[in-house]
Amino acid sequence: MAFELPELTYAHDALEPHIDAKTMEIHHGKHHNAYTTNLNNAIAGTEHENVSIEDILSNISSHSPAVRNNGGGYYNHCLFWEILSPDGGGEPSGNLGESIISTFGSFEEFKNQFATAAATRFGSGWAWLCVCEGKLCICSTPNQDNPLMDGECRGTPILGLDVWEHAYYLNYQNRRPDYIAAFWNVVNWDVVAAKYDAAQ
């Protein structure tokens, strides 16, 4: 069964002014769509054709670069759209909120560390909040890699920020820190909290 481009649960302009409508149209309809198509083409006729994306990525060392790049791009963007909301922002509560404070000292310190990981990722990549061996951790990965893959950053991603230029350049140009700061206004902490609980 082929992977499908997920429909957004909000309009392209719903995240404005933090993420503009034109960027959403291009990012979802062009970039994510291309990753989806190229992933399906890369696994067509192979034993991986009917395997979950998580299983594919967890065994990525046995796959071609095309599967790594496009499989990562497919998975990463699916997570990204899911954790965004026009009603986002604020701070998480419950188990996730408590764990962030106990791990990082405060919500603000968590945001600072996450923003640093996102801002200092050279070139293109992602910043992540993950569950690593039952604990929260922050890391970043290059290109379309993610913590499900082999590498230094291993864990279950529950929050991801795309820092490829196509994610922000139309609105923010080279001001990646401004884009990172705006991101917190559209995070759906209920979704992130549910992913955290599921990863425990």
N, C-alpha and C. Protein backbone atom coordinates (compact mmCIF):
# COMPACT_ATOMS: atom_id res chain seq x y z
N MET A 1 0.84 -1.19 0.00
CA MET A 1 0.00 0.00 0.00
C MET A 1 0.88 1.24 0.00
N ALA A 2 0.62 2.14 -0.91
CA ALA A 2 1.45 3.34 -1.05
C ALA A 2 1.19 4.32 0.09
N PHE A 3 2.22 5.06 0.44
CA PHE A 3 2.06 6.14 1.42
C PHE A 3 1.32 7.30 0.75
N GLU A 4 0.52 8.00 1.54
CA GLU A 4 -0.28 9.09 1.01
C GLU A 4 0.06 10.40 1.71
N LEU A 5 -0.01 11.49 0.98
CA LEU A 5 0.18 12.81 1.55
C LEU A 5 -1.00 13.11 2.47
N PRO A 6 -0.75 13.37 3.76
CA PRO A 6 -1.87 13.64 4.67
C PRO A 6 -2.49 15.00 4.38
N GLU A 7 -3.80 15.06 4.57
CA GLU A 7 -4.49 16.35 4.45
C GLU A 7 -4.22 17.17 5.70
N LEU A 8 -4.06 18.47 5.52
CA LEU A 8 -3.93 19.36 6.67
C LEU A 8 -5.28 19.48 7.36
N THR A 9 -5.27 19.63 8.66
CA THR A 9 -6.51 19.76 9.43
C THR A 9 -6.88 21.23 9.64
N TYR A 10 -6.16 22.13 8.99
CA TYR A 10 -6.39 23.56 9.10
C TYR A 10 -6.07 24.18 7.74
N ALA A 11 -6.60 25.38 7.50
CA ALA A 11 -6.37 26.06 6.24
C ALA A 11 -4.92 26.53 6.12
N HIS A 12 -4.48 26.77 4.89
CA HIS A 12 -3.11 27.22 4.66
C HIS A 12 -2.80 28.52 5.39
N ASP A 13 -3.79 29.37 5.53
CA ASP A 13 -3.54 30.66 6.18
C ASP A 13 -3.84 30.66 7.68
N ALA A 14 -4.17 29.49 8.23
CA ALA A 14 -4.61 29.43 9.62
C ALA A 14 -3.51 29.71 10.63
N LEU A 15 -2.26 29.55 10.22
CA LEU A 15 -1.14 29.74 11.15
C LEU A 15 -0.54 31.13 11.04
N GLU A 16 -1.10 31.98 10.19
CA GLU A 16 -0.58 33.35 10.07
C GLU A 16 -0.85 34.13 11.37
N PRO A 17 0.01 35.07 11.73
CA PRO A 17 1.16 35.57 10.97
C PRO A 17 2.45 34.77 11.19
N HIS A 18 2.36 33.72 11.97
CA HIS A 18 3.57 33.00 12.38
C HIS A 18 4.16 32.18 11.23
N ILE A 19 3.30 31.50 10.47
CA ILE A 19 3.71 30.79 9.26
C ILE A 19 2.73 31.20 8.17
N ASP A 20 3.23 31.76 7.08
CA ASP A 20 2.36 32.36 6.08
C ASP A 20 1.74 31.31 5.15
N ALA A 21 0.63 31.70 4.52
CA ALA A 21 -0.14 30.79 3.68
C ALA A 21 0.65 30.29 2.49
N LYS A 22 1.41 31.16 1.83
CA LYS A 22 2.16 30.73 0.65
C LYS A 22 3.21 29.69 1.01
N THR A 23 3.89 29.89 2.13
CA THR A 23 4.86 28.89 2.58
C THR A 23 4.17 27.56 2.85
N MET A 24 3.01 27.59 3.50
CA MET A 24 2.28 26.36 3.77
C MET A 24 1.87 25.66 2.49
N GLU A 25 1.40 26.42 1.50
CA GLU A 25 1.00 25.83 0.23
C GLU A 25 2.17 25.11 -0.44
N ILE A 26 3.32 25.78 -0.48
CA ILE A 26 4.49 25.21 -1.13
C ILE A 26 5.08 24.06 -0.31
N HIS A 27 5.18 24.27 0.99
CA HIS A 27 5.81 23.29 1.87
C HIS A 27 5.03 21.98 1.87
N HIS A 28 3.72 22.08 2.04
CA HIS A 28 2.89 20.88 2.08
C HIS A 28 2.62 20.33 0.69
N GLY A 29 2.14 21.19 -0.20
CA GLY A 29 1.69 20.72 -1.50
C GLY A 29 2.79 20.37 -2.48
N LYS A 30 3.96 20.96 -2.32
CA LYS A 30 5.08 20.70 -3.24
C LYS A 30 6.16 19.83 -2.59
N HIS A 31 6.75 20.34 -1.50
CA HIS A 31 7.87 19.62 -0.88
C HIS A 31 7.43 18.28 -0.28
N HIS A 32 6.43 18.31 0.59
CA HIS A 32 6.00 17.06 1.23
C HIS A 32 5.42 16.10 0.19
N ASN A 33 4.71 16.64 -0.77
CA ASN A 33 4.16 15.79 -1.82
C ASN A 33 5.26 15.09 -2.60
N ALA A 34 6.36 15.82 -2.86
CA ALA A 34 7.48 15.22 -3.60
C ALA A 34 8.14 14.11 -2.78
N TYR A 35 8.33 14.33 -1.48
CA TYR A 35 8.90 13.28 -0.64
C TYR A 35 8.02 12.03 -0.67
N THR A 36 6.72 12.24 -0.63
CA THR A 36 5.78 11.12 -0.63
C THR A 36 5.88 10.33 -1.93
N THR A 37 5.85 11.02 -3.04
CA THR A 37 5.94 10.37 -4.36
C THR A 37 7.26 9.64 -4.52
N ASN A 38 8.35 10.30 -4.16
CA ASN A 38 9.68 9.70 -4.33
C ASN A 38 9.89 8.51 -3.40
N LEU A 39 9.31 8.55 -2.20
CA LEU A 39 9.40 7.40 -1.31
C LEU A 39 8.67 6.21 -1.91
N ASN A 40 7.47 6.44 -2.39
CA ASN A 40 6.71 5.34 -3.01
C ASN A 40 7.45 4.75 -4.20
N ASN A 41 8.06 5.60 -4.99
CA ASN A 41 8.83 5.11 -6.14
C ASN A 41 10.05 4.30 -5.69
N ALA A 42 10.69 4.71 -4.60
CA ALA A 42 11.91 4.06 -4.13
C ALA A 42 11.64 2.68 -3.55
N ILE A 43 10.45 2.47 -2.98
CA ILE A 43 10.16 1.17 -2.36
C ILE A 43 9.26 0.29 -3.22
N ALA A 44 8.81 0.80 -4.36
CA ALA A 44 7.92 0.03 -5.24
C ALA A 44 8.59 -1.27 -5.67
N GLY A 45 7.87 -2.37 -5.51
CA GLY A 45 8.38 -3.66 -5.92
C GLY A 45 9.39 -4.29 -5.00
N THR A 46 9.62 -3.69 -3.83
CA THR A 46 10.56 -4.24 -2.85
C THR A 46 9.81 -4.83 -1.66
N GLU A 47 10.56 -5.48 -0.78
CA GLU A 47 9.95 -6.07 0.41
C GLU A 47 9.49 -5.01 1.40
N HIS A 48 9.84 -3.76 1.15
CA HIS A 48 9.48 -2.67 2.05
C HIS A 48 8.18 -1.97 1.63
N GLU A 49 7.56 -2.46 0.59
CA GLU A 49 6.40 -1.78 0.02
C GLU A 49 5.22 -1.74 0.99
N ASN A 50 5.09 -2.75 1.84
CA ASN A 50 3.95 -2.81 2.75
C ASN A 50 4.38 -2.75 4.21
N VAL A 51 5.48 -2.05 4.46
CA VAL A 51 6.03 -1.91 5.81
C VAL A 51 5.74 -0.50 6.31
N SER A 52 5.53 -0.36 7.61
CA SER A 52 5.25 0.97 8.17
C SER A 52 6.45 1.88 8.01
N ILE A 53 6.20 3.18 7.98
CA ILE A 53 7.30 4.13 7.82
C ILE A 53 8.24 4.07 9.02
N GLU A 54 7.70 3.79 10.21
CA GLU A 54 8.56 3.68 11.40
C GLU A 54 9.51 2.50 11.28
N ASP A 55 9.03 1.37 10.76
CA ASP A 55 9.89 0.21 10.59
C ASP A 55 10.95 0.46 9.52
N ILE A 56 10.56 1.14 8.45
CA ILE A 56 11.53 1.47 7.41
C ILE A 56 12.65 2.34 7.98
N LEU A 57 12.28 3.37 8.73
CA LEU A 57 13.29 4.30 9.25
C LEU A 57 14.14 3.66 10.34
N SER A 58 13.57 2.76 11.11
CA SER A 58 14.32 2.11 12.19
C SER A 58 15.39 1.17 11.66
N ASN A 59 15.24 0.76 10.39
CA ASN A 59 16.23 -0.12 9.76
C ASN A 59 16.83 0.55 8.53
N ILE A 60 17.05 1.85 8.64
CA ILE A 60 17.40 2.65 7.47
C ILE A 60 18.77 2.31 6.91
N SER A 61 19.66 1.74 7.71
CA SER A 61 21.00 1.44 7.20
C SER A 61 20.97 0.40 6.09
N SER A 62 19.87 -0.34 5.98
CA SER A 62 19.76 -1.35 4.93
C SER A 62 19.10 -0.81 3.67
N HIS A 63 18.78 0.48 3.67
CA HIS A 63 18.07 1.08 2.55
C HIS A 63 18.98 2.00 1.73
N SER A 64 18.49 2.36 0.57
CA SER A 64 19.21 3.27 -0.31
C SER A 64 19.10 4.70 0.19
N PRO A 65 20.00 5.59 -0.27
CA PRO A 65 19.87 7.01 0.09
C PRO A 65 18.51 7.59 -0.29
N ALA A 66 17.91 7.12 -1.37
CA ALA A 66 16.61 7.63 -1.79
C ALA A 66 15.54 7.32 -0.74
N VAL A 67 15.62 6.13 -0.17
CA VAL A 67 14.64 5.77 0.87
C VAL A 67 14.92 6.56 2.14
N ARG A 68 16.19 6.74 2.48
CA ARG A 68 16.53 7.51 3.68
C ARG A 68 16.04 8.95 3.56
N ASN A 69 16.37 9.59 2.47
CA ASN A 69 16.04 11.00 2.31
C ASN A 69 14.54 11.23 2.19
N ASN A 70 13.89 10.45 1.37
CA ASN A 70 12.46 10.65 1.13
C ASN A 70 11.59 10.03 2.22
N GLY A 71 12.05 8.93 2.79
CA GLY A 71 11.32 8.36 3.94
C GLY A 71 11.37 9.29 5.14
N GLY A 72 12.56 9.87 5.37
CA GLY A 72 12.67 10.85 6.45
C GLY A 72 11.83 12.07 6.17
N GLY A 73 11.88 12.57 4.94
CA GLY A 73 11.09 13.72 4.58
C GLY A 73 9.60 13.48 4.73
N TYR A 74 9.16 12.27 4.38
CA TYR A 74 7.73 11.93 4.53
C TYR A 74 7.34 11.91 6.00
N TYR A 75 8.08 11.17 6.81
CA TYR A 75 7.74 11.02 8.23
C TYR A 75 7.84 12.36 8.97
N ASN A 76 8.94 13.07 8.76
CA ASN A 76 9.18 14.32 9.50
C ASN A 76 8.06 15.33 9.28
N HIS A 77 7.64 15.46 8.02
CA HIS A 77 6.59 16.43 7.73
C HIS A 77 5.23 15.99 8.25
N CYS A 78 4.95 14.69 8.22
CA CYS A 78 3.69 14.20 8.81
C CYS A 78 3.61 14.61 10.28
N LEU A 79 4.72 14.45 11.01
CA LEU A 79 4.76 14.84 12.42
C LEU A 79 4.63 16.36 12.56
N PHE A 80 5.32 17.09 11.70
CA PHE A 80 5.33 18.55 11.78
C PHE A 80 3.92 19.13 11.65
N TRP A 81 3.18 18.70 10.62
CA TRP A 81 1.82 19.23 10.44
C TRP A 81 0.94 18.88 11.63
N GLU A 82 1.15 17.70 12.19
CA GLU A 82 0.29 17.23 13.27
C GLU A 82 0.45 18.04 14.55
N ILE A 83 1.67 18.52 14.81
CA ILE A 83 1.90 19.23 16.07
C ILE A 83 1.69 20.74 15.94
N LEU A 84 1.23 21.19 14.76
CA LEU A 84 0.92 22.60 14.58
C LEU A 84 -0.58 22.84 14.69
N SER A 85 -0.96 24.02 15.18
CA SER A 85 -2.38 24.35 15.31
C SER A 85 -2.56 25.86 15.38
N PRO A 86 -3.62 26.38 14.75
CA PRO A 86 -3.93 27.81 14.90
C PRO A 86 -4.31 28.17 16.33
N ASP A 87 -4.65 27.15 17.13
CA ASP A 87 -4.99 27.36 18.54
C ASP A 87 -3.85 26.94 19.46
N GLY A 88 -2.64 26.89 18.91
CA GLY A 88 -1.49 26.44 19.68
C GLY A 88 -0.91 27.52 20.57
N GLY A 89 0.24 27.21 21.13
CA GLY A 89 0.92 28.14 22.01
C GLY A 89 0.73 27.78 23.46
N GLY A 90 1.19 28.65 24.32
CA GLY A 90 1.09 28.40 25.75
C GLY A 90 2.14 27.43 26.22
N GLU A 91 1.84 26.73 27.31
CA GLU A 91 2.76 25.76 27.89
C GLU A 91 2.05 24.43 28.10
N PRO A 92 2.79 23.34 28.02
CA PRO A 92 2.18 22.03 28.28
C PRO A 92 1.91 21.84 29.77
N SER A 93 0.90 21.06 30.06
CA SER A 93 0.60 20.72 31.44
C SER A 93 0.70 19.20 31.61
N GLY A 94 0.24 18.69 32.72
CA GLY A 94 0.23 17.24 32.93
C GLY A 94 1.61 16.63 32.96
N ASN A 95 1.68 15.37 32.54
CA ASN A 95 2.93 14.63 32.60
C ASN A 95 4.05 15.30 31.80
N LEU A 96 3.71 15.78 30.60
CA LEU A 96 4.73 16.40 29.76
C LEU A 96 5.25 17.68 30.40
N GLY A 97 4.35 18.52 30.89
CA GLY A 97 4.78 19.76 31.53
C GLY A 97 5.68 19.51 32.71
N GLU A 98 5.30 18.52 33.53
CA GLU A 98 6.12 18.19 34.70
C GLU A 98 7.47 17.65 34.29
N SER A 99 7.50 16.83 33.25
CA SER A 99 8.76 16.23 32.81
C SER A 99 9.69 17.28 32.20
N ILE A 100 9.13 18.24 31.49
CA ILE A 100 9.96 19.32 30.93
C ILE A 100 10.61 20.11 32.05
N ILE A 101 9.85 20.44 33.08
CA ILE A 101 10.41 21.20 34.20
C ILE A 101 11.45 20.39 34.96
N SER A 102 11.16 19.11 35.19
CA SER A 102 12.13 18.29 35.94
C SER A 102 13.40 18.02 35.14
N THR A 103 13.28 17.98 33.83
CA THR A 103 14.45 17.69 32.98
C THR A 103 15.28 18.93 32.69
N PHE A 104 14.61 20.04 32.40
CA PHE A 104 15.32 21.23 31.93
C PHE A 104 15.33 22.38 32.95
N GLY A 105 14.59 22.23 34.03
CA GLY A 105 14.57 23.26 35.07
C GLY A 105 13.40 24.21 34.97
N SER A 106 12.99 24.52 33.75
CA SER A 106 11.84 25.39 33.52
C SER A 106 11.42 25.26 32.07
N PHE A 107 10.22 25.71 31.76
CA PHE A 107 9.76 25.69 30.38
C PHE A 107 10.59 26.65 29.53
N GLU A 108 10.96 27.79 30.08
CA GLU A 108 11.77 28.76 29.34
C GLU A 108 13.15 28.19 29.02
N GLU A 109 13.74 27.46 29.96
CA GLU A 109 15.05 26.88 29.69
C GLU A 109 14.94 25.79 28.63
N PHE A 110 13.85 25.03 28.66
CA PHE A 110 13.61 24.05 27.59
C PHE A 110 13.55 24.75 26.24
N LYS A 111 12.79 25.83 26.15
CA LYS A 111 12.68 26.57 24.88
C LYS A 111 14.04 27.10 24.44
N ASN A 112 14.83 27.58 25.40
CA ASN A 112 16.16 28.09 25.06
C ASN A 112 17.04 27.00 24.47
N GLN A 113 17.05 25.83 25.10
CA GLN A 113 17.88 24.73 24.61
C GLN A 113 17.40 24.22 23.26
N PHE A 114 16.08 24.14 23.09
CA PHE A 114 15.53 23.69 21.82
C PHE A 114 15.86 24.69 20.72
N ALA A 115 15.69 25.99 21.03
CA ALA A 115 15.98 27.04 20.05
C ALA A 115 17.45 27.02 19.64
N THR A 116 18.33 26.74 20.59
CA THR A 116 19.75 26.65 20.27
C THR A 116 20.03 25.49 19.33
N ALA A 117 19.40 24.34 19.59
CA ALA A 117 19.58 23.19 18.70
C ALA A 117 19.09 23.50 17.29
N ALA A 118 17.98 24.24 17.19
CA ALA A 118 17.42 24.58 15.88
C ALA A 118 18.27 25.64 15.18
N ALA A 119 18.72 26.64 15.92
CA ALA A 119 19.46 27.75 15.32
C ALA A 119 20.86 27.35 14.90
N THR A 120 21.47 26.41 15.61
CA THR A 120 22.85 26.04 15.33
C THR A 120 22.98 24.84 14.40
N ARG A 121 21.88 24.27 13.95
CA ARG A 121 21.95 23.20 12.95
C ARG A 121 22.46 23.82 11.65
N PHE A 122 23.66 23.47 11.25
CA PHE A 122 24.26 24.06 10.05
C PHE A 122 23.55 23.54 8.81
N GLY A 123 23.24 24.45 7.91
CA GLY A 123 22.56 24.05 6.69
C GLY A 123 21.12 23.63 6.97
N SER A 124 20.70 22.54 6.35
CA SER A 124 19.32 22.09 6.47
C SER A 124 19.19 20.96 7.48
N GLY A 125 18.05 20.91 8.15
CA GLY A 125 17.83 19.84 9.10
C GLY A 125 16.64 20.10 9.99
N TRP A 126 16.64 19.44 11.14
CA TRP A 126 15.52 19.49 12.07
C TRP A 126 16.04 19.56 13.51
N ALA A 127 15.23 20.17 14.37
CA ALA A 127 15.44 20.11 15.82
C ALA A 127 14.33 19.26 16.42
N TRP A 128 14.67 18.50 17.48
CA TRP A 128 13.72 17.52 18.01
C TRP A 128 13.66 17.56 19.54
N LEU A 129 12.46 17.31 20.04
CA LEU A 129 12.27 16.89 21.43
C LEU A 129 11.88 15.43 21.36
N CYS A 130 12.64 14.60 22.04
CA CYS A 130 12.45 13.15 21.94
C CYS A 130 12.30 12.52 23.32
N VAL A 131 11.79 11.30 23.30
CA VAL A 131 11.85 10.44 24.47
C VAL A 131 12.96 9.44 24.23
N CYS A 132 14.02 9.56 25.02
CA CYS A 132 15.20 8.71 24.87
C CYS A 132 15.35 7.87 26.13
N GLU A 133 15.11 6.57 26.00
CA GLU A 133 15.19 5.65 27.14
C GLU A 133 14.35 6.16 28.32
N GLY A 134 13.14 6.62 28.01
CA GLY A 134 12.20 7.04 29.03
C GLY A 134 12.35 8.47 29.50
N LYS A 135 13.37 9.18 29.00
CA LYS A 135 13.60 10.55 29.43
C LYS A 135 13.55 11.51 28.25
N LEU A 136 13.22 12.76 28.53
CA LEU A 136 13.20 13.76 27.48
C LEU A 136 14.62 14.18 27.09
N CYS A 137 14.83 14.43 25.82
CA CYS A 137 16.11 14.92 25.35
C CYS A 137 15.89 15.80 24.12
N ILE A 138 16.81 16.69 23.87
CA ILE A 138 16.78 17.59 22.73
C ILE A 138 17.96 17.27 21.83
N CYS A 139 17.73 17.25 20.53
CA CYS A 139 18.83 17.03 19.60
C CYS A 139 18.45 17.61 18.24
N SER A 140 19.37 17.58 17.31
CA SER A 140 19.08 17.99 15.95
C SER A 140 19.71 16.99 14.99
N THR A 141 19.15 16.94 13.79
CA THR A 141 19.64 16.02 12.77
C THR A 141 19.80 16.76 11.44
N PRO A 142 20.71 16.29 10.60
CA PRO A 142 20.88 16.94 9.29
C PRO A 142 19.85 16.46 8.28
N ASN A 143 19.65 17.27 7.27
CA ASN A 143 18.83 16.90 6.11
C ASN A 143 17.44 16.43 6.54
N GLN A 144 17.02 15.23 6.10
CA GLN A 144 15.73 14.69 6.54
C GLN A 144 15.91 13.51 7.49
N ASP A 145 17.04 13.42 8.14
CA ASP A 145 17.23 12.40 9.16
C ASP A 145 16.35 12.72 10.37
N ASN A 146 16.10 11.70 11.18
CA ASN A 146 15.34 11.90 12.42
C ASN A 146 15.78 10.88 13.46
N PRO A 147 15.33 11.02 14.70
CA PRO A 147 15.82 10.16 15.78
C PRO A 147 15.43 8.69 15.69
N LEU A 148 14.55 8.32 14.78
CA LEU A 148 14.24 6.90 14.60
C LEU A 148 15.36 6.18 13.87
N MET A 149 16.20 6.94 13.17
CA MET A 149 17.27 6.37 12.35
C MET A 149 18.53 6.13 13.17
N ASP A 150 19.48 5.44 12.55
CA ASP A 150 20.77 5.28 13.17
C ASP A 150 21.48 6.63 13.25
N GLY A 151 22.31 6.80 14.23
CA GLY A 151 23.01 8.06 14.40
C GLY A 151 23.14 8.42 15.87
N GLU A 152 23.70 9.58 16.15
CA GLU A 152 23.92 10.00 17.54
C GLU A 152 22.62 10.32 18.26
N CYS A 153 21.62 10.77 17.52
CA CYS A 153 20.35 11.20 18.11
C CYS A 153 19.34 10.07 17.93
N ARG A 154 19.15 9.25 18.98
CA ARG A 154 18.23 8.12 18.90
C ARG A 154 17.14 8.25 19.94
N GLY A 155 15.90 8.06 19.51
CA GLY A 155 14.77 8.15 20.43
C GLY A 155 13.48 8.22 19.65
N THR A 156 12.40 8.50 20.36
CA THR A 156 11.08 8.65 19.74
C THR A 156 10.76 10.13 19.66
N PRO A 157 10.70 10.71 18.47
CA PRO A 157 10.42 12.14 18.37
C PRO A 157 8.96 12.46 18.71
N ILE A 158 8.76 13.50 19.52
CA ILE A 158 7.41 13.93 19.87
C ILE A 158 7.15 15.37 19.45
N LEU A 159 8.22 16.10 19.12
CA LEU A 159 8.11 17.48 18.64
C LEU A 159 9.27 17.73 17.69
N GLY A 160 8.98 18.26 16.52
CA GLY A 160 10.04 18.53 15.55
C GLY A 160 9.84 19.87 14.90
N LEU A 161 10.94 20.55 14.62
CA LEU A 161 10.90 21.84 13.92
C LEU A 161 11.77 21.75 12.68
N ASP A 162 11.17 22.00 11.54
CA ASP A 162 11.85 22.00 10.25
C ASP A 162 12.64 23.29 10.11
N VAL A 163 13.96 23.20 9.97
CA VAL A 163 14.77 24.40 9.77
C VAL A 163 15.41 24.43 8.38
N TRP A 164 14.84 23.69 7.43
CA TRP A 164 15.21 23.90 6.03
C TRP A 164 14.72 25.29 5.63
N GLU A 165 15.44 25.95 4.75
CA GLU A 165 15.04 27.30 4.37
C GLU A 165 13.66 27.35 3.73
N HIS A 166 13.25 26.28 3.05
CA HIS A 166 11.93 26.32 2.41
C HIS A 166 10.80 26.41 3.44
N ALA A 167 11.10 26.11 4.70
CA ALA A 167 10.09 26.17 5.75
C ALA A 167 9.80 27.59 6.23
N TYR A 168 10.71 28.52 5.92
CA TYR A 168 10.53 29.86 6.50
C TYR A 168 11.01 31.02 5.64
N TYR A 169 11.69 30.76 4.52
CA TYR A 169 12.42 31.84 3.84
C TYR A 169 11.50 32.92 3.25
N LEU A 170 10.33 32.55 2.76
CA LEU A 170 9.46 33.55 2.16
C LEU A 170 9.08 34.65 3.15
N ASN A 171 8.88 34.26 4.40
CA ASN A 171 8.43 35.20 5.42
C ASN A 171 9.58 35.77 6.26
N TYR A 172 10.58 34.95 6.54
CA TYR A 172 11.64 35.34 7.47
C TYR A 172 13.00 35.55 6.82
N GLN A 173 13.13 35.24 5.52
CA GLN A 173 14.41 35.31 4.83
C GLN A 173 15.49 34.56 5.64
N ASN A 174 16.58 35.21 6.00
CA ASN A 174 17.65 34.51 6.71
C ASN A 174 17.51 34.62 8.23
N ARG A 175 16.36 35.05 8.71
CA ARG A 175 16.17 35.26 10.15
C ARG A 175 15.61 33.99 10.80
N ARG A 176 16.40 32.95 10.79
CA ARG A 176 15.94 31.69 11.37
C ARG A 176 15.53 31.84 12.84
N PRO A 177 16.26 32.59 13.67
CA PRO A 177 15.83 32.74 15.07
C PRO A 177 14.42 33.34 15.21
N ASP A 178 14.03 34.24 14.31
CA ASP A 178 12.67 34.79 14.37
C ASP A 178 11.62 33.73 14.06
N TYR A 179 11.92 32.88 13.10
CA TYR A 179 11.04 31.76 12.76
C TYR A 179 10.92 30.79 13.94
N ILE A 180 12.03 30.50 14.58
CA ILE A 180 12.01 29.60 15.74
C ILE A 180 11.16 30.19 16.85
N ALA A 181 11.31 31.48 17.11
CA ALA A 181 10.52 32.13 18.16
C ALA A 181 9.03 32.10 17.83
N ALA A 182 8.69 32.28 16.55
CA ALA A 182 7.28 32.26 16.14
C ALA A 182 6.66 30.87 16.26
N PHE A 183 7.48 29.84 16.10
CA PHE A 183 7.02 28.45 16.16
C PHE A 183 6.26 28.15 17.45
N TRP A 184 6.71 28.71 18.56
CA TRP A 184 6.07 28.39 19.85
C TRP A 184 4.61 28.85 19.91
N ASN A 185 4.22 29.77 19.05
CA ASN A 185 2.85 30.26 19.04
C ASN A 185 1.87 29.31 18.37
N VAL A 186 2.39 28.31 17.66
CA VAL A 186 1.50 27.40 16.92
C VAL A 186 1.71 25.93 17.31
N VAL A 187 2.43 25.67 18.39
CA VAL A 187 2.61 24.28 18.84
C VAL A 187 1.35 23.81 19.55
N ASN A 188 0.85 22.67 19.15
CA ASN A 188 -0.30 22.04 19.79
C ASN A 188 0.21 21.11 20.89
N TRP A 189 0.26 21.63 22.11
CA TRP A 189 0.84 20.86 23.20
C TRP A 189 0.01 19.64 23.59
N ASP A 190 -1.28 19.64 23.28
CA ASP A 190 -2.09 18.46 23.56
C ASP A 190 -1.63 17.28 22.72
N VAL A 191 -1.31 17.53 21.46
CA VAL A 191 -0.83 16.47 20.58
C VAL A 191 0.55 16.00 21.04
N VAL A 192 1.43 16.94 21.37
CA VAL A 192 2.77 16.58 21.83
C VAL A 192 2.68 15.76 23.12
N ALA A 193 1.80 16.17 24.02
CA ALA A 193 1.64 15.45 25.29
C ALA A 193 1.15 14.02 25.07
N ALA A 194 0.24 13.86 24.12
CA ALA A 194 -0.26 12.52 23.81
C ALA A 194 0.86 11.65 23.25
N LYS A 195 1.71 12.23 22.42
CA LYS A 195 2.84 11.48 21.88
C LYS A 195 3.83 11.12 22.99
N TYR A 196 4.01 12.04 23.93
CA TYR A 196 4.90 11.76 25.06
C TYR A 196 4.38 10.60 25.88
N ASP A 197 3.09 10.62 26.20
CA ASP A 197 2.50 9.54 27.00
C ASP A 197 2.60 8.20 26.27
N ALA A 198 2.40 8.22 24.94
CA ALA A 198 2.47 6.99 24.17
C ALA A 198 3.88 6.42 24.09
N ALA A 199 4.87 7.29 24.20
CA ALA A 199 6.27 6.87 24.09
C ALA A 199 6.84 6.36 25.40
N GLN A 200 6.11 6.53 26.50
CA GLN A 200 6.61 6.10 27.81
C GLN A 200 6.58 4.58 27.94
